[in-house]
Amino acid sequence: MTILAIPNDLQHPRLGTAISIKVSGNAVQRNRIKRLVRESFRQHQDLLGGRDLVVLVRPGIRSRSNQQLLSALDTHWRTIAAHAHTGSDSH
């Protein structure tokens, strides 16, 4: 999983996802991943500030459990928030 981040002119973050059925396996798995991404984003958005974020997934994502995905997302969000002070916005 990769998350791209770029500053925006707003006071809040915005989320986009790029999760293809080809990578996720089928619509059920794709929707599961999208739900987890949105829920994790909602829980962490106060850390992210004014950023546009795009979550990209890679093959093999469907074999990960919900807990593994949430843990990976938590790590990404915290890394992005930490980079907010250094000026580096891509993770």
PDB file of N, CA and C in Angstrom:
ATOM      1  N   MET A   1       0.845  -1.168   0.000  1.00  0.00           N
ATOM      2  CA  MET A   1       0.000   0.000   0.000  1.00  0.00           C
ATOM      3  C   MET A   1       0.894   1.236   0.000  1.00  0.00           C
ATOM      4  N   THR A   2       0.494   2.214  -0.791  1.00  0.00           N
ATOM      5  CA  THR A   2       1.207   3.489  -0.870  1.00  0.00           C
ATOM      6  C   THR A   2       0.195   4.605  -0.679  1.00  0.00           C
ATOM      7  N   ILE A   3       0.598   5.628   0.054  1.00  0.00           N
ATOM      8  CA  ILE A   3      -0.263   6.796   0.206  1.00  0.00           C
ATOM      9  C   ILE A   3       0.511   8.018  -0.281  1.00  0.00           C
ATOM     10  N   LEU A   4      -0.075   8.703  -1.244  1.00  0.00           N
ATOM     11  CA  LEU A   4       0.502   9.935  -1.760  1.00  0.00           C
ATOM     12  C   LEU A   4      -0.167  11.100  -1.055  1.00  0.00           C
ATOM     13  N   ALA A   5       0.616  12.102  -0.681  1.00  0.00           N
ATOM     14  CA  ALA A   5       0.074  13.258   0.037  1.00  0.00           C
ATOM     15  C   ALA A   5       0.624  14.537  -0.570  1.00  0.00           C
ATOM     16  N   ILE A   6      -0.255  15.514  -0.694  1.00  0.00           N
ATOM     17  CA  ILE A   6       0.137  16.825  -1.190  1.00  0.00           C
ATOM     18  C   ILE A   6      -0.665  17.873  -0.419  1.00  0.00           C
ATOM     19  N   PRO A   7      -0.033  18.979  -0.041  1.00  0.00           N
ATOM     20  CA  PRO A   7      -0.776  20.019   0.691  1.00  0.00           C
ATOM     21  C   PRO A   7      -1.917  20.585  -0.155  1.00  0.00           C
ATOM     22  N   ASN A   8      -3.012  20.931   0.504  1.00  0.00           N
ATOM     23  CA  ASN A   8      -4.106  21.625  -0.179  1.00  0.00           C
ATOM     24  C   ASN A   8      -4.331  22.969   0.513  1.00  0.00           C
ATOM     25  N   ASP A   9      -5.222  23.774  -0.004  1.00  0.00           N
ATOM     26  CA  ASP A   9      -5.474  25.105   0.554  1.00  0.00           C
ATOM     27  C   ASP A   9      -6.601  25.105   1.577  1.00  0.00           C
ATOM     28  N   LEU A  10      -6.977  23.927   2.042  1.00  0.00           N
ATOM     29  CA  LEU A  10      -8.075  23.795   2.996  1.00  0.00           C
ATOM     30  C   LEU A  10      -7.538  23.536   4.395  1.00  0.00           C
ATOM     31  N   GLN A  11      -8.413  23.598   5.359  1.00  0.00           N
ATOM     32  CA  GLN A  11      -8.021  23.316   6.745  1.00  0.00           C
ATOM     33  C   GLN A  11      -8.228  21.849   7.111  1.00  0.00           C
ATOM     34  N   HIS A  12      -8.646  21.045   6.155  1.00  0.00           N
ATOM     35  CA  HIS A  12      -8.936  19.642   6.433  1.00  0.00           C
ATOM     36  C   HIS A  12      -8.393  18.758   5.308  1.00  0.00           C
ATOM     37  N   PRO A  13      -8.150  17.488   5.606  1.00  0.00           N
ATOM     38  CA  PRO A  13      -7.640  16.577   4.585  1.00  0.00           C
ATOM     39  C   PRO A  13      -8.775  16.039   3.704  1.00  0.00           C
ATOM     40  N   ARG A  14      -8.415  15.629   2.498  1.00  0.00           N
ATOM     41  CA  ARG A  14      -9.352  14.966   1.593  1.00  0.00           C
ATOM     42  C   ARG A  14      -8.737  13.647   1.169  1.00  0.00           C
ATOM     43  N   LEU A  15      -9.584  12.644   0.962  1.00  0.00           N
ATOM     44  CA  LEU A  15      -9.124  11.293   0.662  1.00  0.00           C
ATOM     45  C   LEU A  15      -9.599  10.843  -0.709  1.00  0.00           C
ATOM     46  N   GLY A  16      -8.705  10.198  -1.434  1.00  0.00           N
ATOM     47  CA  GLY A  16      -9.042   9.531  -2.685  1.00  0.00           C
ATOM     48  C   GLY A  16      -8.466   8.130  -2.638  1.00  0.00           C
ATOM     49  N   THR A  17      -9.079   7.208  -3.346  1.00  0.00           N
ATOM     50  CA  THR A  17      -8.568   5.832  -3.379  1.00  0.00           C
ATOM     51  C   THR A  17      -8.422   5.376  -4.822  1.00  0.00           C
ATOM     52  N   ALA A  18      -7.446   4.542  -5.055  1.00  0.00           N
ATOM     53  CA  ALA A  18      -7.244   3.908  -6.360  1.00  0.00           C
ATOM     54  C   ALA A  18      -7.097   2.414  -6.083  1.00  0.00           C
ATOM     55  N   ILE A  19      -8.246   1.744  -6.043  1.00  0.00           N
ATOM     56  CA  ILE A  19      -8.278   0.322  -5.691  1.00  0.00           C
ATOM     57  C   ILE A  19      -9.032  -0.402  -6.795  1.00  0.00           C
ATOM     58  N   SER A  20      -8.296  -1.037  -7.687  1.00  0.00           N
ATOM     59  CA  SER A  20      -8.933  -1.713  -8.813  1.00  0.00           C
ATOM     60  C   SER A  20      -9.410  -3.104  -8.413  1.00  0.00           C
ATOM     61  N   ILE A  21     -10.409  -3.571  -9.131  1.00  0.00           N
ATOM     62  CA  ILE A  21     -10.890  -4.935  -8.901  1.00  0.00           C
ATOM     63  C   ILE A  21      -9.798  -5.925  -9.286  1.00  0.00           C
ATOM     64  N   LYS A  22      -8.999  -5.596 -10.283  1.00  0.00           N
ATOM     65  CA  LYS A  22      -7.915  -6.482 -10.714  1.00  0.00           C
ATOM     66  C   LYS A  22      -6.941  -6.753  -9.563  1.00  0.00           C
ATOM     67  N   VAL A  23      -6.621  -5.721  -8.803  1.00  0.00           N
ATOM     68  CA  VAL A  23      -5.681  -5.863  -7.684  1.00  0.00           C
ATOM     69  C   VAL A  23      -6.364  -6.461  -6.461  1.00  0.00           C
ATOM     70  N   SER A  24      -7.593  -6.047  -6.198  1.00  0.00           N
ATOM     71  CA  SER A  24      -8.271  -6.482  -4.973  1.00  0.00           C
ATOM     72  C   SER A  24      -8.925  -7.847  -5.113  1.00  0.00           C
ATOM     73  N   GLY A  25      -9.167  -8.313  -6.327  1.00  0.00           N
ATOM     74  CA  GLY A  25      -9.706  -9.653  -6.516  1.00  0.00           C
ATOM     75  C   GLY A  25     -11.138  -9.670  -6.995  1.00  0.00           C
ATOM     76  N   ASN A  26     -12.027  -8.985  -6.298  1.00  0.00           N
ATOM     77  CA  ASN A  26     -13.425  -8.903  -6.711  1.00  0.00           C
ATOM     78  C   ASN A  26     -14.057  -7.697  -6.018  1.00  0.00           C
ATOM     79  N   ALA A  27     -15.304  -7.431  -6.354  1.00  0.00           N
ATOM     80  CA  ALA A  27     -15.966  -6.236  -5.821  1.00  0.00           C
ATOM     81  C   ALA A  27     -16.126  -6.302  -4.308  1.00  0.00           C
ATOM     82  N   VAL A  28     -16.360  -7.477  -3.775  1.00  0.00           N
ATOM     83  CA  VAL A  28     -16.541  -7.612  -2.328  1.00  0.00           C
ATOM     84  C   VAL A  28     -15.256  -7.225  -1.597  1.00  0.00           C
ATOM     85  N   GLN A  29     -14.118  -7.743  -2.052  1.00  0.00           N
ATOM     86  CA  GLN A  29     -12.834  -7.421  -1.430  1.00  0.00           C
ATOM     87  C   GLN A  29     -12.483  -5.949  -1.636  1.00  0.00           C
ATOM     88  N   ARG A  30     -12.767  -5.429  -2.831  1.00  0.00           N
ATOM     89  CA  ARG A  30     -12.498  -4.020  -3.117  1.00  0.00           C
ATOM     90  C   ARG A  30     -13.288  -3.126  -2.174  1.00  0.00           C
ATOM     91  N   ASN A  31     -14.545  -3.420  -1.982  1.00  0.00           N
ATOM     92  CA  ASN A  31     -15.367  -2.617  -1.084  1.00  0.00           C
ATOM     93  C   ASN A  31     -14.919  -2.752   0.369  1.00  0.00           C
ATOM     94  N   ARG A  32     -14.478  -3.949   0.761  1.00  0.00           N
ATOM     95  CA  ARG A  32     -13.953  -4.146   2.128  1.00  0.00           C
ATOM     96  C   ARG A  32     -12.737  -3.259   2.360  1.00  0.00           C
ATOM     97  N   ILE A  33     -11.831  -3.239   1.403  1.00  0.00           N
ATOM     98  CA  ILE A  33     -10.615  -2.436   1.523  1.00  0.00           C
ATOM     99  C   ILE A  33     -10.971  -0.946   1.560  1.00  0.00           C
ATOM    100  N   LYS A  34     -11.866  -0.525   0.680  1.00  0.00           N
ATOM    101  CA  LYS A  34     -12.272   0.882   0.658  1.00  0.00           C
ATOM    102  C   LYS A  34     -12.932   1.302   1.972  1.00  0.00           C
ATOM    103  N   ARG A  35     -13.773   0.435   2.537  1.00  0.00           N
ATOM    104  CA  ARG A  35     -14.408   0.741   3.831  1.00  0.00           C
ATOM    105  C   ARG A  35     -13.369   0.909   4.926  1.00  0.00           C
ATOM    106  N   LEU A  36     -12.389   0.001   4.951  1.00  0.00           N
ATOM    107  CA  LEU A  36     -11.338   0.081   5.966  1.00  0.00           C
ATOM    108  C   LEU A  36     -10.501   1.352   5.805  1.00  0.00           C
ATOM    109  N   VAL A  37     -10.178   1.701   4.564  1.00  0.00           N
ATOM    110  CA  VAL A  37      -9.396   2.918   4.310  1.00  0.00           C
ATOM    111  C   VAL A  37     -10.170   4.146   4.781  1.00  0.00           C
ATOM    112  N   ARG A  38     -11.452   4.227   4.404  1.00  0.00           N
ATOM    113  CA  ARG A  38     -12.258   5.390   4.808  1.00  0.00           C
ATOM    114  C   ARG A  38     -12.407   5.484   6.325  1.00  0.00           C
ATOM    115  N   GLU A  39     -12.632   4.348   6.991  1.00  0.00           N
ATOM    116  CA  GLU A  39     -12.794   4.372   8.446  1.00  0.00           C
ATOM    117  C   GLU A  39     -11.492   4.775   9.136  1.00  0.00           C
ATOM    118  N   SER A  40     -10.383   4.237   8.674  1.00  0.00           N
ATOM    119  CA  SER A  40      -9.097   4.598   9.264  1.00  0.00           C
ATOM    120  C   SER A  40      -8.802   6.078   9.041  1.00  0.00           C
ATOM    121  N   PHE A  41      -9.073   6.566   7.831  1.00  0.00           N
ATOM    122  CA  PHE A  41      -8.890   7.988   7.525  1.00  0.00           C
ATOM    123  C   PHE A  41      -9.739   8.850   8.460  1.00  0.00           C
ATOM    124  N   ARG A  42     -10.993   8.467   8.642  1.00  0.00           N
ATOM    125  CA  ARG A  42     -11.895   9.226   9.516  1.00  0.00           C
ATOM    126  C   ARG A  42     -11.344   9.315  10.936  1.00  0.00           C
ATOM    127  N   GLN A  43     -10.763   8.231  11.416  1.00  0.00           N
ATOM    128  CA  GLN A  43     -10.230   8.212  12.773  1.00  0.00           C
ATOM    129  C   GLN A  43      -8.942   9.018  12.911  1.00  0.00           C
ATOM    130  N   HIS A  44      -8.215   9.219  11.826  1.00  0.00           N
ATOM    131  CA  HIS A  44      -6.914   9.895  11.883  1.00  0.00           C
ATOM    132  C   HIS A  44      -6.897  11.272  11.235  1.00  0.00           C
ATOM    133  N   GLN A  45      -8.004  11.743  10.700  1.00  0.00           N
ATOM    134  CA  GLN A  45      -7.983  12.969   9.913  1.00  0.00           C
ATOM    135  C   GLN A  45      -7.561  14.194  10.708  1.00  0.00           C
ATOM    136  N   ASP A  46      -7.745  14.183  12.029  1.00  0.00           N
ATOM    137  CA  ASP A  46      -7.306  15.330  12.833  1.00  0.00           C
ATOM    138  C   ASP A  46      -5.786  15.456  12.854  1.00  0.00           C
ATOM    139  N   LEU A  47      -5.055  14.381  12.572  1.00  0.00           N
ATOM    140  CA  LEU A  47      -3.590  14.415  12.534  1.00  0.00           C
ATOM    141  C   LEU A  47      -3.042  14.925  11.201  1.00  0.00           C
ATOM    142  N   LEU A  48      -3.858  14.859  10.156  1.00  0.00           N
ATOM    143  CA  LEU A  48      -3.347  15.013   8.800  1.00  0.00           C
ATOM    144  C   LEU A  48      -3.356  16.440   8.260  1.00  0.00           C
ATOM    145  N   GLY A  49      -4.086  17.338   8.876  1.00  0.00           N
ATOM    146  CA  GLY A  49      -4.092  18.727   8.437  1.00  0.00           C
ATOM    147  C   GLY A  49      -4.631  18.894   7.037  1.00  0.00           C
ATOM    148  N   GLY A  50      -4.268  19.985   6.376  1.00  0.00           N
ATOM    149  CA  GLY A  50      -4.750  20.293   5.038  1.00  0.00           C
ATOM    150  C   GLY A  50      -3.960  19.577   3.970  1.00  0.00           C
ATOM    151  N   ARG A  51      -4.357  18.349   3.662  1.00  0.00           N
ATOM    152  CA  ARG A  51      -3.660  17.548   2.661  1.00  0.00           C
ATOM    153  C   ARG A  51      -4.653  16.812   1.786  1.00  0.00           C
ATOM    154  N   ASP A  52      -4.286  16.611   0.558  1.00  0.00           N
ATOM    155  CA  ASP A  52      -5.006  15.698  -0.315  1.00  0.00           C
ATOM    156  C   ASP A  52      -4.222  14.392  -0.297  1.00  0.00           C
ATOM    157  N   LEU A  53      -4.919  13.309  -0.032  1.00  0.00           N
ATOM    158  CA  LEU A  53      -4.280  12.002   0.111  1.00  0.00           C
ATOM    159  C   LEU A  53      -4.908  11.010  -0.863  1.00  0.00           C
ATOM    160  N   VAL A  54      -4.072  10.196  -1.483  1.00  0.00           N
ATOM    161  CA  VAL A  54      -4.555   9.146  -2.374  1.00  0.00           C
ATOM    162  C   VAL A  54      -3.929   7.830  -1.916  1.00  0.00           C
ATOM    163  N   VAL A  55      -4.787   6.847  -1.660  1.00  0.00           N
ATOM    164  CA  VAL A  55      -4.329   5.525  -1.245  1.00  0.00           C
ATOM    165  C   VAL A  55      -4.293   4.628  -2.478  1.00  0.00           C
ATOM    166  N   LEU A  56      -3.119   4.059  -2.747  1.00  0.00           N
ATOM    167  CA  LEU A  56      -2.914   3.126  -3.844  1.00  0.00           C
ATOM    168  C   LEU A  56      -2.617   1.756  -3.249  1.00  0.00           C
ATOM    169  N   VAL A  57      -3.220   0.727  -3.805  1.00  0.00           N
ATOM    170  CA  VAL A  57      -2.941  -0.616  -3.287  1.00  0.00           C
ATOM    171  C   VAL A  57      -2.218  -1.437  -4.337  1.00  0.00           C
ATOM    172  N   ARG A  58      -1.551  -2.452  -3.871  1.00  0.00           N
ATOM    173  CA  ARG A  58      -0.750  -3.315  -4.722  1.00  0.00           C
ATOM    174  C   ARG A  58      -1.308  -4.744  -4.684  1.00  0.00           C
ATOM    175  N   PRO A  59      -0.916  -5.546  -5.667  1.00  0.00           N
ATOM    176  CA  PRO A  59      -1.360  -6.947  -5.639  1.00  0.00           C
ATOM    177  C   PRO A  59      -0.979  -7.615  -4.314  1.00  0.00           C
ATOM    178  N   GLY A  60      -1.827  -8.496  -3.853  1.00  0.00           N
ATOM    179  CA  GLY A  60      -1.586  -9.179  -2.585  1.00  0.00           C
ATOM    180  C   GLY A  60      -2.353  -8.561  -1.435  1.00  0.00           C
ATOM    181  N   ILE A  61      -2.972  -7.412  -1.655  1.00  0.00           N
ATOM    182  CA  ILE A  61      -3.694  -6.716  -0.594  1.00  0.00           C
ATOM    183  C   ILE A  61      -4.866  -7.557  -0.087  1.00  0.00           C
ATOM    184  N   ARG A  62      -5.483  -8.340  -0.954  1.00  0.00           N
ATOM    185  CA  ARG A  62      -6.672  -9.099  -0.556  1.00  0.00           C
ATOM    186  C   ARG A  62      -6.366 -10.192   0.444  1.00  0.00           C
ATOM    187  N   SER A  63      -5.114 -10.605   0.524  1.00  0.00           N
ATOM    188  CA  SER A  63      -4.762 -11.659   1.483  1.00  0.00           C
ATOM    189  C   SER A  63      -4.515 -11.112   2.889  1.00  0.00           C
ATOM    190  N   ARG A  64      -4.515  -9.810   3.041  1.00  0.00           N
ATOM    191  CA  ARG A  64      -4.288  -9.187   4.355  1.00  0.00           C
ATOM    192  C   ARG A  64      -5.589  -9.150   5.153  1.00  0.00           C
ATOM    193  N   SER A  65      -5.468  -9.367   6.452  1.00  0.00           N
ATOM    194  CA  SER A  65      -6.637  -9.289   7.329  1.00  0.00           C
ATOM    195  C   SER A  65      -7.009  -7.834   7.571  1.00  0.00           C
ATOM    196  N   ASN A  66      -8.197  -7.624   8.080  1.00  0.00           N
ATOM    197  CA  ASN A  66      -8.629  -6.262   8.408  1.00  0.00           C
ATOM    198  C   ASN A  66      -7.661  -5.611   9.381  1.00  0.00           C
ATOM    199  N   GLN A  67      -7.230  -6.352  10.388  1.00  0.00           N
ATOM    200  CA  GLN A  67      -6.315  -5.801  11.385  1.00  0.00           C
ATOM    201  C   GLN A  67      -4.972  -5.431  10.762  1.00  0.00           C
ATOM    202  N   GLN A  68      -4.472  -6.239   9.856  1.00  0.00           N
ATOM    203  CA  GLN A  68      -3.209  -5.922   9.182  1.00  0.00           C
ATOM    204  C   GLN A  68      -3.345  -4.647   8.346  1.00  0.00           C
ATOM    205  N   LEU A  69      -4.466  -4.503   7.649  1.00  0.00           N
ATOM    206  CA  LEU A  69      -4.686  -3.295   6.847  1.00  0.00           C
ATOM    207  C   LEU A  69      -4.791  -2.068   7.732  1.00  0.00           C
ATOM    208  N   LEU A  70      -5.558  -2.162   8.817  1.00  0.00           N
ATOM    209  CA  LEU A  70      -5.708  -1.019   9.718  1.00  0.00           C
ATOM    210  C   LEU A  70      -4.378  -0.632  10.358  1.00  0.00           C
ATOM    211  N   SER A  71      -3.585  -1.620  10.705  1.00  0.00           N
ATOM    212  CA  SER A  71      -2.274  -1.350  11.300  1.00  0.00           C
ATOM    213  C   SER A  71      -1.355  -0.647  10.294  1.00  0.00           C
ATOM    214  N   ALA A  72      -1.357  -1.117   9.051  1.00  0.00           N
ATOM    215  CA  ALA A  72      -0.533  -0.486   8.015  1.00  0.00           C
ATOM    216  C   ALA A  72      -0.988   0.946   7.758  1.00  0.00           C
ATOM    217  N   LEU A  73      -2.291   1.149   7.693  1.00  0.00           N
ATOM    218  CA  LEU A  73      -2.817   2.497   7.487  1.00  0.00           C
ATOM    219  C   LEU A  73      -2.443   3.417   8.640  1.00  0.00           C
ATOM    220  N   ASP A  74      -2.545   2.919   9.874  1.00  0.00           N
ATOM    221  CA  ASP A  74      -2.173   3.716  11.048  1.00  0.00           C
ATOM    222  C   ASP A  74      -0.721   4.179  10.940  1.00  0.00           C
ATOM    223  N   THR A  75       0.158   3.281  10.537  1.00  0.00           N
ATOM    224  CA  THR A  75       1.571   3.620  10.368  1.00  0.00           C
ATOM    225  C   THR A  75       1.738   4.700   9.291  1.00  0.00           C
ATOM    226  N   HIS A  76       1.049   4.537   8.171  1.00  0.00           N
ATOM    227  CA  HIS A  76       1.127   5.532   7.095  1.00  0.00           C
ATOM    228  C   HIS A  76       0.636   6.898   7.563  1.00  0.00           C
ATOM    229  N   TRP A  77      -0.534   6.941   8.218  1.00  0.00           N
ATOM    230  CA  TRP A  77      -1.083   8.230   8.672  1.00  0.00           C
ATOM    231  C   TRP A  77      -0.126   8.923   9.627  1.00  0.00           C
ATOM    232  N   ARG A  78       0.444   8.174  10.549  1.00  0.00           N
ATOM    233  CA  ARG A  78       1.368   8.769  11.525  1.00  0.00           C
ATOM    234  C   ARG A  78       2.649   9.269  10.852  1.00  0.00           C
ATOM    235  N   THR A  79       3.128   8.545   9.859  1.00  0.00           N
ATOM    236  CA  THR A  79       4.317   8.976   9.122  1.00  0.00           C
ATOM    237  C   THR A  79       4.030  10.258   8.347  1.00  0.00           C
ATOM    238  N   ILE A  80       2.871  10.327   7.707  1.00  0.00           N
ATOM    239  CA  ILE A  80       2.488  11.536   6.968  1.00  0.00           C
ATOM    240  C   ILE A  80       2.372  12.715   7.920  1.00  0.00           C
ATOM    241  N   ALA A  81       1.756  12.505   9.076  1.00  0.00           N
ATOM    242  CA  ALA A  81       1.610  13.580  10.058  1.00  0.00           C
ATOM    243  C   ALA A  81       2.985  14.043  10.544  1.00  0.00           C
ATOM    244  N   ALA A  82       3.904  13.103  10.747  1.00  0.00           N
ATOM    245  CA  ALA A  82       5.251  13.473  11.206  1.00  0.00           C
ATOM    246  C   ALA A  82       5.997  14.263  10.128  1.00  0.00           C
ATOM    247  N   HIS A  83       5.794  13.914   8.866  1.00  0.00           N
ATOM    248  CA  HIS A  83       6.461  14.622   7.774  1.00  0.00           C
ATOM    249  C   HIS A  83       5.871  15.999   7.522  1.00  0.00           C
ATOM    250  N   ALA A  84       4.735  16.269   8.093  1.00  0.00           N
ATOM    251  CA  ALA A  84       4.098  17.580   7.900  1.00  0.00           C
ATOM    252  C   ALA A  84       5.021  18.700   8.407  1.00  0.00           C
ATOM    253  N   HIS A  85       5.805  18.402   9.412  1.00  0.00           N
ATOM    254  CA  HIS A  85       6.695  19.410   9.991  1.00  0.00           C
ATOM    255  C   HIS A  85       8.004  19.539   9.216  1.00  0.00           C
ATOM    256  N   THR A  86       8.346  18.526   8.432  1.00  0.00           N
ATOM    257  CA  THR A  86       9.622  18.568   7.707  1.00  0.00           C
ATOM    258  C   THR A  86       9.468  19.056   6.280  1.00  0.00           C
ATOM    259  N   GLY A  87       8.219  19.145   5.790  1.00  0.00           N
ATOM    260  CA  GLY A  87       7.989  19.630   4.438  1.00  0.00           C
ATOM    261  C   GLY A  87       7.951  18.519   3.404  1.00  0.00           C
ATOM    262  N   SER A  88       8.224  17.285   3.773  1.00  0.00           N
ATOM    263  CA  SER A  88       8.146  16.165   2.843  1.00  0.00           C
ATOM    264  C   SER A  88       6.751  15.589   2.900  1.00  0.00           C
ATOM    265  N   ASP A  89       6.031  15.580   1.755  1.00  0.00           N
ATOM    266  CA  ASP A  89       4.623  15.182   1.778  1.00  0.00           C
ATOM    267  C   ASP A  89       4.292  13.915   1.024  1.00  0.00           C
ATOM    268  N   SER A  90       5.244  13.137   0.599  1.00  0.00           N
ATOM    269  CA  SER A  90       4.914  11.895  -0.079  1.00  0.00           C
ATOM    270  C   SER A  90       5.477  10.720   0.710  1.00  0.00           C
ATOM    271  N   HIS A  91       4.667   9.700   0.897  1.00  0.00           N
ATOM    272  CA  HIS A  91       5.090   8.519   1.652  1.00  0.00           C
ATOM    273  C   HIS A  91       4.740   7.267   0.922  1.00  0.00           C
TER     274      HIS A  91
END
